[in-house]
Amino acid sequence: MSYRVGIDVGGTNTDAVIVDKENRVMAKVKVATTEDVTTGILNALDGVLNESAIDVAEIKYAMLGTTHCTNAIVERKNLAKVGIVRIGKPATLSIKPLIAWPEDLVSAIGGYTHIISGGHEYDGRELSKLDEDEARKALRDLKEKGIEALAISAVFSPVNSEHELRLAEIAREILDVPITLSHEIGSIGLLERENAAVINAAVVKVAKTAIKSFQNALEEKGIEAKLFITQNDGTLMSAEYALRYPVLTIASGPANSLRGAAFLSGLRDGIVVDVGGTTTDIGVLVNGFPRESSVAVEIGGVRTNFRMPDLISIGLGGGSLVSFENGVKVGPESVGYRLEREATVFGGDKLTATDIAVYLRRAELGDPSRVSDLEPAMVEKAAEKMKTMVEEAIDRMKTSPKPVPVILVGGGSILLPDELKGASSVVKPENFEVANAIGAAIAQVSGEIDRVFSLEEKGREEVLKQAKEIAIKEAIEAGADPKTVEIVDIEEIPLAYLPGNAIRIRAKAAGYLRIF
């Protein structure tokens, strides 16, 4: 028998599960996330190993969802010094790289930029030749400045990546640092795609440390498992792939919860409400996967255009503070991972959303007698406030007034009642509290493409076939078994504002791990 361990690190709790080859949950645990993250992972591993009592030699695969990269960007800590080379002179000189970035984030990554000659038109024709002498001069300057990572972007590189690839070859002759190419990260818009590439380069060092820490944690427990990292479309990537594209781990936690909710409930479409200790994330399932955002997404104050799940986050969680001054207020302030020390039912002096749930007998936690003297009318108002917050968020995520199934997951979902306005049904499946870790453990591996093609030289069917082949290749490179990979989503967007009968194609392929 072989087993998988799935771990998801959240802001409040670190969840872990062990599942067998049939995806049955053998053990589950929820522990407080620690400031150094790694200790929380070790505690979670201890918990599931003790509960399952299985031989660690039988754990063959480990899946991790981590917040390391997100935290590094938000906190401006442990980021790499990034050299940025844009291929787009003279066309793009009017707008410099890192435009509109927060000053503290520019300072954290160094802010070293160069613009050199080159780039392509929307249809792949060369805009101007790549100036290799200019490129070498820029790269030597960045080497002298001591950069730790390099981000390369070029005009319309998702259509023609030739200049980015050639500059990367030259860079490897001069520099010994990780290199990020923008056409592998983002879509058409130059500035947003460039931003995504720079962020990816900035967090490569953080990802390396996080993955190494997780590998060390597994080794410390005697687990010799193949390691995979969850990404923000609800699928997996190999540790090696994650080191190349760590930015794809951002928002992987909510995506894990959506995939876990789909698996546990058996529903392929609906709205998922994931209530944690500090926030509630609301997302949409489409064919079993998270619906992607169709607008540019800000990360740490930076506008990007790489794929992200379409989510709404509200300040409601199990640790949310409740006050009755000037009406009822719930959140956004939270005791977070200090819930078991500071909440009233655990002997603390803070009134939290969890205390309200315990009073209403929606959960059996701590000492209920500690909240027995709360005023019933005020408790009901607090409960109604929490319910309304979630109902309003659900309404914002719906694309029609028609009621849809709602799946409640996350440890904090005990805060909510069994009926919600706008929901055709409210499902709280078994193991709901660790849906995120289960989503990591049962995830597939994916690959995708988002590019503009010209239909002047190639017909529509040929272009679609090419896009599908690229998506499938990406999935296989990420660790999917070629025999199981299939196209799970494809979208065509005619670009009437561009000449040449241009079309944008987004395709996603997914398959089971090659190791199964």
Protein backbone atom coordinates (compact mmCIF):
# COMPACT_ATOMS: atom_id res chain seq x y z
CA MET A 1 0.00 0.00 0.00
CA SER A 2 1.20 3.52 -0.77
CA TYR A 3 -0.04 6.76 0.75
CA ARG A 4 0.04 10.50 0.08
CA VAL A 5 0.34 13.27 2.61
CA GLY A 6 -1.26 16.63 1.82
CA ILE A 7 -0.35 19.75 3.81
CA ASP A 8 -1.78 23.25 3.44
CA VAL A 9 -0.25 26.15 5.36
CA GLY A 10 -2.75 28.90 6.13
CA GLY A 11 -2.39 32.15 8.00
CA THR A 12 -4.02 30.68 11.13
CA ASN A 13 -3.84 26.89 10.82
CA THR A 14 -1.68 24.29 9.11
CA ASP A 15 -3.76 21.30 8.01
CA ALA A 16 -2.50 17.84 7.08
CA VAL A 17 -4.10 14.65 5.83
CA ILE A 18 -2.94 11.21 4.78
CA VAL A 19 -4.90 9.54 1.96
CA ASP A 20 -4.57 6.11 0.37
CA LYS A 21 -4.59 5.21 -3.33
CA GLU A 22 -8.39 5.28 -3.31
CA ASN A 23 -8.36 8.84 -1.91
CA ARG A 24 -9.76 7.71 1.44
CA VAL A 25 -8.73 9.89 4.37
CA MET A 26 -6.65 7.80 6.79
CA ALA A 27 -5.75 10.63 9.19
CA LYS A 28 -6.29 14.36 9.52
CA VAL A 29 -5.04 17.08 11.82
CA LYS A 30 -5.29 20.85 12.23
CA VAL A 31 -2.54 22.67 14.16
CA ALA A 32 -1.68 26.32 14.66
CA THR A 33 0.55 27.87 12.02
CA THR A 34 3.84 29.01 13.53
CA GLU A 35 5.78 32.17 12.73
CA ASP A 36 8.60 30.18 11.13
CA VAL A 37 6.01 28.01 9.24
CA THR A 38 8.31 24.97 9.27
CA THR A 39 7.58 24.16 12.92
CA GLY A 40 3.86 24.13 12.14
CA ILE A 41 4.50 21.71 9.27
CA LEU A 42 6.49 19.42 11.58
CA ASN A 43 3.68 19.53 14.16
CA ALA A 44 1.12 18.67 11.48
CA LEU A 45 3.24 15.76 10.24
CA ASP A 46 3.57 14.48 13.82
CA GLY A 47 -0.20 14.65 14.22
CA VAL A 48 -1.16 12.65 11.12
CA LEU A 49 1.63 10.11 11.60
CA ASN A 50 0.55 9.45 15.18
CA GLU A 51 -3.14 9.24 14.26
CA SER A 52 -2.66 6.93 11.28
CA ALA A 53 0.07 4.72 12.80
CA ILE A 54 1.13 3.74 9.29
CA ASP A 55 4.70 2.90 8.31
CA VAL A 56 6.38 6.08 7.05
CA ALA A 57 8.06 3.99 4.34
CA GLU A 58 4.63 3.62 2.74
CA ILE A 59 4.22 7.39 2.24
CA LYS A 60 5.40 7.81 -1.34
CA TYR A 61 4.14 11.28 -2.24
CA ALA A 62 3.89 14.59 -0.41
CA MET A 63 1.91 17.64 -1.55
CA LEU A 64 2.44 21.08 -0.02
CA GLY A 65 0.40 24.25 -0.29
CA THR A 66 2.42 27.12 1.12
CA THR A 67 2.04 30.84 1.86
CA HIS A 68 5.79 31.54 1.90
CA CYS A 69 5.85 33.47 -1.39
CA THR A 70 2.69 35.43 -0.62
CA ASN A 71 4.03 36.42 2.80
CA ALA A 72 7.40 37.47 1.36
CA ILE A 73 5.74 39.87 -1.08
CA VAL A 74 3.27 41.29 1.43
CA GLU A 75 5.91 41.71 4.14
CA ARG A 76 8.72 42.76 1.71
CA LYS A 77 11.04 40.23 3.34
CA ASN A 78 13.63 37.77 1.99
CA LEU A 79 13.11 38.87 -1.62
CA ALA A 80 15.91 38.45 -4.16
CA LYS A 81 17.69 41.40 -5.76
CA VAL A 82 16.32 41.31 -9.29
CA GLY A 83 17.88 42.50 -12.53
CA ILE A 84 15.25 43.48 -15.10
CA VAL A 85 15.92 43.57 -18.84
CA ARG A 86 13.13 44.63 -21.19
CA ILE A 87 13.52 43.99 -24.91
CA GLY A 88 11.54 46.81 -26.49
CA LYS A 89 13.70 49.74 -27.51
CA PRO A 90 12.77 52.25 -28.89
CA ALA A 91 9.02 51.39 -28.80
CA THR A 92 8.65 51.16 -25.00
CA LEU A 93 11.04 53.84 -23.72
CA SER A 94 8.19 56.13 -22.65
CA ILE A 95 7.12 53.80 -19.82
CA LYS A 96 9.89 52.37 -17.67
CA PRO A 97 9.82 49.00 -15.88
CA LEU A 98 8.43 48.98 -12.31
CA ILE A 99 6.13 51.92 -13.09
CA ALA A 100 3.49 52.32 -10.35
CA TRP A 101 5.23 49.81 -8.05
CA PRO A 102 5.18 50.64 -4.32
CA GLU A 103 8.48 52.30 -3.41
CA ASP A 104 9.21 49.91 -0.54
CA LEU A 105 8.83 46.90 -2.85
CA VAL A 106 11.12 48.45 -5.49
CA SER A 107 13.67 49.03 -2.75
CA ALA A 108 13.33 45.43 -1.52
CA ILE A 109 14.16 43.97 -4.95
CA GLY A 110 16.82 46.53 -5.91
CA GLY A 111 15.07 48.18 -8.85
CA TYR A 112 17.86 47.56 -11.39
CA THR A 113 16.44 47.96 -14.92
CA HIS A 114 17.60 48.11 -18.54
CA ILE A 115 15.72 48.52 -21.83
CA ILE A 116 17.46 47.19 -24.94
CA SER A 117 16.63 47.05 -28.65
CA GLY A 118 14.36 44.28 -29.94
CA GLY A 119 10.84 42.87 -29.69
CA HIS A 120 8.10 41.74 -32.05
CA GLU A 121 4.79 42.86 -33.52
CA TYR A 122 1.43 41.39 -32.49
CA ASP A 123 1.65 38.84 -35.34
CA GLY A 124 5.19 37.69 -34.56
CA ARG A 125 7.05 39.88 -37.07
CA GLU A 126 10.28 41.39 -35.76
CA LEU A 127 9.83 44.95 -34.49
CA SER A 128 13.59 45.56 -34.36
CA LYS A 129 16.60 43.31 -34.08
CA LEU A 130 17.90 42.16 -30.71
CA ASP A 131 21.08 44.13 -30.03
CA GLU A 132 23.34 41.49 -28.50
CA ASP A 133 26.19 43.89 -27.73
CA GLU A 134 23.78 46.14 -25.84
CA ALA A 135 22.41 43.06 -24.08
CA ARG A 136 25.87 41.94 -22.89
CA LYS A 137 26.65 45.43 -21.61
CA ALA A 138 23.38 45.50 -19.61
CA LEU A 139 23.95 42.02 -18.19
CA ARG A 140 27.52 42.86 -17.08
CA ASP A 141 26.20 45.96 -15.32
CA LEU A 142 23.62 43.84 -13.48
CA LYS A 143 26.31 41.34 -12.51
CA GLU A 144 28.37 44.16 -10.96
CA LYS A 145 25.32 45.20 -8.96
CA GLY A 146 25.13 41.70 -7.44
CA ILE A 147 21.69 40.63 -8.63
CA GLU A 148 20.35 37.30 -7.36
CA ALA A 149 17.77 36.70 -10.11
CA LEU A 150 17.01 37.96 -13.61
CA ALA A 151 13.66 38.83 -15.22
CA ILE A 152 13.47 39.15 -19.00
CA SER A 153 10.48 40.60 -20.87
CA ALA A 154 9.94 41.47 -24.53
CA VAL A 155 7.22 43.11 -26.59
CA PHE A 156 4.67 40.47 -27.71
CA SER A 157 6.87 37.61 -26.50
CA PRO A 158 3.82 35.33 -25.93
CA VAL A 159 3.40 35.46 -29.71
CA ASN A 160 7.11 35.18 -30.57
CA SER A 161 9.51 34.29 -27.75
CA GLU A 162 12.67 34.23 -29.90
CA HIS A 163 14.29 37.35 -28.39
CA GLU A 164 13.59 36.36 -24.78
CA LEU A 165 15.06 32.91 -25.38
CA ARG A 166 18.17 34.30 -27.08
CA LEU A 167 18.75 36.85 -24.30
CA ALA A 168 18.47 34.04 -21.75
CA GLU A 169 21.22 32.14 -23.61
CA ILE A 170 23.48 35.19 -23.47
CA ALA A 171 22.64 35.75 -19.79
CA ARG A 172 23.73 32.22 -18.89
CA GLU A 173 27.17 33.00 -20.32
CA ILE A 174 27.55 35.99 -17.98
CA LEU A 175 25.40 35.31 -14.92
CA ASP A 176 24.82 32.36 -12.62
CA VAL A 177 21.35 33.25 -11.32
CA PRO A 178 17.78 31.96 -11.86
CA ILE A 179 16.21 33.45 -15.00
CA THR A 180 12.49 34.17 -15.49
CA LEU A 181 11.09 34.68 -19.00
CA SER A 182 7.89 36.71 -19.12
CA HIS A 183 6.23 34.69 -21.91
CA GLU A 184 6.26 31.65 -19.62
CA ILE A 185 4.40 33.51 -16.85
CA GLY A 186 1.93 36.09 -18.12
CA SER A 187 -0.22 36.89 -21.14
CA ILE A 188 -0.22 39.69 -23.71
CA GLY A 189 -0.08 43.03 -21.83
CA LEU A 190 3.61 44.01 -21.56
CA LEU A 191 3.61 45.86 -18.24
CA GLU A 192 1.47 43.37 -16.32
CA ARG A 193 3.39 40.42 -17.81
CA GLU A 194 6.69 42.08 -16.98
CA ASN A 195 5.49 42.70 -13.42
CA ALA A 196 4.54 39.03 -13.04
CA ALA A 197 7.98 37.96 -14.29
CA VAL A 198 9.74 40.30 -11.86
CA ILE A 199 7.67 39.06 -8.92
CA ASN A 200 8.45 35.47 -9.93
CA ALA A 201 12.18 36.26 -10.00
CA ALA A 202 11.93 38.03 -6.63
CA VAL A 203 10.44 35.01 -4.84
CA VAL A 204 12.66 32.28 -6.34
CA LYS A 205 14.98 32.48 -3.34
CA VAL A 206 12.05 32.27 -0.90
CA ALA A 207 10.62 29.26 -2.74
CA LYS A 208 13.97 27.49 -2.65
CA THR A 209 14.21 27.97 1.11
CA ALA A 210 10.58 26.89 1.68
CA ILE A 211 10.86 23.76 -0.44
CA LYS A 212 14.16 22.83 1.19
CA SER A 213 12.58 23.29 4.63
CA PHE A 214 9.72 21.00 3.69
CA GLN A 215 12.11 18.40 2.33
CA ASN A 216 14.07 18.59 5.59
CA ALA A 217 10.86 18.18 7.59
CA LEU A 218 9.99 15.04 5.63
CA GLU A 219 13.49 13.65 6.08
CA GLU A 220 13.36 14.38 9.81
CA LYS A 221 10.27 12.15 10.01
CA GLY A 222 11.90 9.47 7.89
CA ILE A 223 9.58 10.08 4.93
CA GLU A 224 11.18 9.43 1.55
CA ALA A 225 8.45 10.89 -0.63
CA LYS A 226 8.32 12.55 -4.02
CA LEU A 227 7.50 16.22 -3.37
CA PHE A 228 4.90 18.28 -5.23
CA ILE A 229 3.77 21.87 -4.67
CA THR A 230 0.20 23.09 -5.21
CA GLN A 231 -0.44 25.96 -7.60
CA ASN A 232 -3.20 28.49 -7.83
CA ASP A 233 -5.36 26.68 -10.38
CA GLY A 234 -5.97 23.79 -7.98
CA THR A 235 -3.38 21.48 -9.52
CA LEU A 236 0.14 20.30 -8.69
CA MET A 237 3.61 20.97 -10.00
CA SER A 238 6.85 19.17 -9.27
CA ALA A 239 9.25 20.78 -6.80
CA GLU A 240 11.63 21.46 -9.71
CA TYR A 241 8.87 23.19 -11.68
CA ALA A 242 7.89 25.21 -8.60
CA LEU A 243 11.44 26.51 -8.28
CA ARG A 244 11.14 27.91 -11.83
CA TYR A 245 7.65 29.37 -11.34
CA PRO A 246 7.14 30.04 -7.60
CA VAL A 247 4.73 32.89 -8.34
CA LEU A 248 2.17 30.21 -9.28
CA THR A 249 1.93 29.23 -5.60
CA ILE A 250 0.31 32.57 -4.75
CA ALA A 251 -3.37 31.99 -3.80
CA SER A 252 -2.85 28.22 -3.92
CA GLY A 253 -4.50 27.81 -0.50
CA PRO A 254 -8.00 28.90 -1.61
CA ALA A 255 -7.57 26.88 -4.82
CA ASN A 256 -6.78 23.78 -2.73
CA SER A 257 -9.96 24.37 -0.76
CA LEU A 258 -12.05 24.63 -3.93
CA ARG A 259 -10.61 21.38 -5.30
CA GLY A 260 -11.08 19.69 -1.92
CA ALA A 261 -14.67 20.94 -1.74
CA ALA A 262 -15.41 19.52 -5.20
CA PHE A 263 -13.92 16.16 -4.25
CA LEU A 264 -15.64 15.90 -0.85
CA SER A 265 -19.07 17.05 -2.04
CA GLY A 266 -19.09 15.35 -5.43
CA LEU A 267 -20.22 18.64 -7.00
CA ARG A 268 -18.50 19.95 -10.13
CA ASP A 269 -20.15 23.37 -10.20
CA GLY A 270 -21.17 25.72 -7.42
CA ILE A 271 -19.85 28.27 -4.95
CA VAL A 272 -17.35 27.35 -2.27
CA VAL A 273 -17.21 29.26 1.02
CA ASP A 274 -13.93 28.55 2.81
CA VAL A 275 -14.00 29.98 6.35
CA GLY A 276 -10.61 30.09 8.03
CA GLY A 277 -9.38 31.63 11.25
CA THR A 278 -8.98 35.17 9.92
CA THR A 279 -10.71 35.43 6.55
CA THR A 280 -13.40 33.79 4.44
CA ASP A 281 -12.59 33.10 0.78
CA ILE A 282 -15.48 32.69 -1.65
CA GLY A 283 -14.75 31.10 -5.04
CA VAL A 284 -16.59 29.43 -7.90
CA LEU A 285 -16.23 25.86 -9.14
CA VAL A 286 -16.47 25.34 -12.90
CA ASN A 287 -16.20 21.72 -13.99
CA GLY A 288 -14.46 20.87 -10.73
CA PHE A 289 -11.75 23.56 -10.99
CA PRO A 290 -11.55 27.15 -9.65
CA ARG A 291 -12.97 29.81 -11.96
CA GLU A 292 -10.12 32.07 -13.05
CA SER A 293 -10.19 35.83 -12.65
CA SER A 294 -10.79 37.66 -15.93
CA VAL A 295 -9.26 40.93 -14.75
CA ALA A 296 -5.73 42.01 -13.86
CA VAL A 297 -4.86 41.03 -10.30
CA GLU A 298 -2.85 43.04 -7.80
CA ILE A 299 -0.20 41.21 -5.77
CA GLY A 300 1.43 43.21 -3.00
CA GLY A 301 0.30 46.42 -4.71
CA VAL A 302 1.58 45.36 -8.16
CA ARG A 303 -0.72 44.85 -11.15
CA THR A 304 -0.15 41.53 -12.96
CA ASN A 305 -1.89 39.47 -15.66
CA PHE A 306 -0.97 35.87 -14.92
CA ARG A 307 -3.70 33.44 -13.98
CA MET A 308 -5.30 33.69 -10.54
CA PRO A 309 -8.46 32.16 -9.07
CA ASP A 310 -11.50 34.44 -9.02
CA LEU A 311 -12.00 35.06 -5.30
CA ILE A 312 -13.58 37.42 -2.84
CA SER A 313 -12.01 37.56 0.61
CA ILE A 314 -13.83 39.07 3.57
CA GLY A 315 -12.63 39.67 7.11
CA LEU A 316 -14.62 36.89 8.76
CA GLY A 317 -13.07 33.88 10.47
CA GLY A 318 -13.16 31.80 13.61
CA GLY A 319 -10.84 34.26 15.33
CA SER A 320 -12.67 37.42 14.22
CA LEU A 321 -13.27 39.83 17.08
CA VAL A 322 -16.89 40.63 17.95
CA SER A 323 -17.90 43.90 19.59
CA PHE A 324 -21.26 45.45 20.45
CA GLU A 325 -20.21 49.09 20.73
CA ASN A 326 -22.18 51.30 18.32
CA GLY A 327 -24.01 48.29 16.90
CA VAL A 328 -22.62 44.87 16.07
CA LYS A 329 -19.17 44.55 14.50
CA VAL A 330 -17.52 41.29 13.41
CA GLY A 331 -13.92 41.42 12.14
CA PRO A 332 -11.79 42.22 10.28
CA GLU A 333 -9.51 42.18 13.34
CA SER A 334 -8.75 38.61 14.42
CA VAL A 335 -6.82 36.75 17.09
CA GLY A 336 -5.69 34.37 14.33
CA TYR A 337 -3.58 31.44 15.47
CA ARG A 338 -3.90 32.70 19.09
CA LEU A 339 -7.56 31.59 19.12
CA GLU A 340 -7.03 28.78 21.64
CA ARG A 341 -5.36 31.22 24.05
CA GLU A 342 -7.42 34.38 23.65
CA ALA A 343 -11.00 33.33 22.81
CA THR A 344 -13.45 33.46 25.71
CA VAL A 345 -14.42 29.76 25.55
CA PHE A 346 -10.73 28.86 25.95
CA GLY A 347 -10.27 31.08 28.99
CA GLY A 348 -9.18 34.23 27.19
CA ASP A 349 -10.62 37.72 27.39
CA LYS A 350 -11.51 38.31 23.73
CA LEU A 351 -15.00 37.73 22.34
CA THR A 352 -14.66 36.01 18.97
CA ALA A 353 -16.89 34.59 16.25
CA THR A 354 -16.07 31.12 17.59
CA ASP A 355 -17.55 32.10 20.96
CA ILE A 356 -20.78 33.06 19.18
CA ALA A 357 -20.86 29.69 17.38
CA VAL A 358 -20.32 27.82 20.67
CA TYR A 359 -23.12 29.80 22.37
CA LEU A 360 -25.46 28.86 19.50
CA ARG A 361 -24.36 25.20 19.82
CA ARG A 362 -23.04 25.11 16.29
CA ALA A 363 -19.78 23.78 17.70
CA GLU A 364 -18.49 22.01 20.82
CA LEU A 365 -15.27 23.74 21.74
CA GLY A 366 -13.62 24.88 24.94
CA ASP A 367 -15.85 25.61 27.93
CA PRO A 368 -19.36 26.72 26.84
CA SER A 369 -20.14 27.95 30.35
CA ARG A 370 -17.73 30.86 29.78
CA VAL A 371 -20.12 32.39 27.23
CA SER A 372 -23.40 31.40 28.89
CA ASP A 373 -23.96 34.92 30.25
CA LEU A 374 -23.95 36.58 26.83
CA GLU A 375 -27.13 38.47 25.98
CA PRO A 376 -29.17 36.28 23.56
CA ALA A 377 -30.40 39.22 21.47
CA MET A 378 -26.85 40.46 20.88
CA VAL A 379 -25.62 36.96 20.00
CA GLU A 380 -28.40 36.67 17.42
CA LYS A 381 -27.40 40.02 15.93
CA ALA A 382 -23.77 38.89 15.67
CA ALA A 383 -24.83 35.62 14.02
CA GLU A 384 -27.04 37.49 11.56
CA LYS A 385 -24.16 39.86 10.78
CA MET A 386 -21.86 36.92 9.93
CA LYS A 387 -24.55 35.30 7.80
CA THR A 388 -25.23 38.54 5.91
CA MET A 389 -21.52 39.12 5.22
CA VAL A 390 -21.26 35.72 3.54
CA GLU A 391 -24.58 36.02 1.66
CA GLU A 392 -23.52 39.36 0.17
CA ALA A 393 -20.19 37.87 -0.96
CA ILE A 394 -21.99 34.88 -2.52
CA ASP A 395 -24.28 37.25 -4.41
CA ARG A 396 -21.27 39.14 -5.79
CA MET A 397 -19.74 35.90 -7.14
CA LYS A 398 -22.89 34.71 -8.92
CA THR A 399 -23.41 35.42 -12.61
CA SER A 400 -27.22 35.16 -12.40
CA PRO A 401 -29.90 35.53 -9.71
CA LYS A 402 -30.61 31.79 -9.90
CA PRO A 403 -29.83 29.91 -6.65
CA VAL A 404 -26.72 27.72 -6.83
CA PRO A 405 -25.26 24.99 -4.57
CA VAL A 406 -22.98 26.33 -1.82
CA ILE A 407 -20.29 24.15 -0.24
CA LEU A 408 -19.04 25.14 3.22
CA VAL A 409 -15.47 24.13 4.09
CA GLY A 410 -12.75 25.23 6.47
CA GLY A 411 -12.66 24.96 10.23
CA GLY A 412 -14.47 28.29 10.59
CA SER A 413 -17.53 27.14 8.63
CA ILE A 414 -19.06 26.20 12.00
CA LEU A 415 -19.93 29.91 12.17
CA LEU A 416 -22.59 29.61 9.48
CA PRO A 417 -26.12 28.15 9.51
CA ASP A 418 -27.44 25.38 7.25
CA GLU A 419 -29.42 27.82 5.10
CA LEU A 420 -28.10 30.82 3.18
CA LYS A 421 -29.92 33.26 0.93
CA GLY A 422 -29.12 32.65 -2.74
CA ALA A 423 -28.13 29.00 -2.16
CA SER A 424 -30.18 26.17 -3.67
CA SER A 425 -28.56 23.93 -1.06
CA VAL A 426 -25.86 24.27 1.59
CA VAL A 427 -23.49 21.32 1.76
CA LYS A 428 -21.00 20.76 4.58
CA PRO A 429 -19.25 17.51 3.59
CA GLU A 430 -17.40 15.08 5.82
CA ASN A 431 -13.83 16.25 6.55
CA PHE A 432 -14.88 19.81 5.61
CA GLU A 433 -12.43 21.31 8.10
CA VAL A 434 -9.38 19.99 6.20
CA ALA A 435 -10.69 20.41 2.64
CA ASN A 436 -7.62 22.44 1.72
CA ALA A 437 -5.17 19.67 2.66
CA ILE A 438 -7.37 17.10 0.91
CA GLY A 439 -7.43 19.31 -2.18
CA ALA A 440 -3.63 19.26 -2.15
CA ALA A 441 -3.45 15.49 -1.65
CA ILE A 442 -5.83 14.55 -4.48
CA ALA A 443 -4.83 17.23 -7.00
CA GLN A 444 -3.96 16.62 -10.62
CA VAL A 445 -1.10 18.20 -12.59
CA SER A 446 -1.86 20.87 -15.18
CA GLY A 447 -0.34 22.96 -17.93
CA GLU A 448 -1.79 25.88 -19.82
CA ILE A 449 -1.28 28.38 -22.62
CA ASP A 450 -2.59 31.93 -23.16
CA ARG A 451 -1.37 33.33 -26.48
CA VAL A 452 -2.37 35.33 -29.52
CA PHE A 453 -2.27 33.55 -32.90
CA SER A 454 -2.70 34.91 -36.42
CA LEU A 455 -5.13 33.02 -38.65
CA GLU A 456 -3.71 34.49 -41.87
CA GLU A 457 -1.16 31.70 -42.45
CA LYS A 458 -2.70 28.91 -40.36
CA GLY A 459 -6.35 27.90 -40.18
CA ARG A 460 -8.41 27.86 -36.98
CA GLU A 461 -8.26 24.09 -36.55
CA GLU A 462 -4.47 24.04 -36.95
CA VAL A 463 -4.04 26.87 -34.43
CA LEU A 464 -6.34 25.15 -31.90
CA LYS A 465 -4.41 21.92 -32.33
CA GLN A 466 -1.11 23.76 -31.74
CA ALA A 467 -2.47 25.45 -28.59
CA LYS A 468 -3.72 22.13 -27.19
CA GLU A 469 -0.36 20.46 -27.88
CA ILE A 470 1.49 23.24 -26.02
CA ALA A 471 -0.86 22.97 -23.01
CA ILE A 472 -0.43 19.19 -22.92
CA LYS A 473 3.36 19.55 -23.14
CA GLU A 474 3.31 22.01 -20.23
CA ALA A 475 1.30 19.54 -18.11
CA ILE A 476 3.72 16.71 -18.87
CA GLU A 477 6.71 18.91 -18.00
CA ALA A 478 5.02 19.76 -14.70
CA GLY A 479 4.82 16.04 -13.79
CA ALA A 480 1.64 14.65 -15.37
CA ASP A 481 1.43 11.15 -16.78
CA PRO A 482 1.23 11.58 -20.60
CA LYS A 483 -1.32 8.76 -20.79
CA THR A 484 -3.81 10.60 -18.58
CA VAL A 485 -3.45 14.20 -19.80
CA GLU A 486 -6.49 15.76 -21.43
CA ILE A 487 -7.72 19.24 -22.30
CA VAL A 488 -10.05 20.40 -19.51
CA ASP A 489 -10.71 23.95 -20.67
CA ILE A 490 -10.28 25.92 -23.90
CA GLU A 491 -11.38 29.44 -24.78
CA GLU A 492 -11.17 31.40 -28.05
CA ILE A 493 -11.31 35.21 -28.05
CA PRO A 494 -11.32 36.94 -31.48
CA LEU A 495 -9.34 40.19 -31.32
CA ALA A 496 -11.23 42.46 -33.70
CA TYR A 497 -9.09 45.47 -32.81
CA LEU A 498 -5.95 43.80 -34.22
CA PRO A 499 -5.36 43.34 -37.94
CA GLY A 500 -4.43 39.97 -39.42
CA ASN A 501 -7.44 37.99 -38.16
CA ALA A 502 -5.89 37.59 -34.71
CA ILE A 503 -7.30 35.26 -32.06
CA ARG A 504 -6.40 34.74 -28.41
CA ILE A 505 -6.52 31.14 -27.22
CA ARG A 506 -6.46 29.99 -23.61
CA ALA A 507 -6.15 26.24 -23.10
CA LYS A 508 -5.62 24.11 -19.99
CA ALA A 509 -4.63 20.45 -19.84
CA ALA A 510 -4.61 18.27 -16.71
CA GLY A 511 -3.67 14.72 -15.84
CA TYR A 512 -2.77 12.45 -12.94
CA LEU A 513 0.72 12.31 -11.50
CA ARG A 514 3.20 10.40 -13.60
CA ILE A 515 4.23 8.40 -10.55
CA PHE A 516 0.83 6.72 -10.09
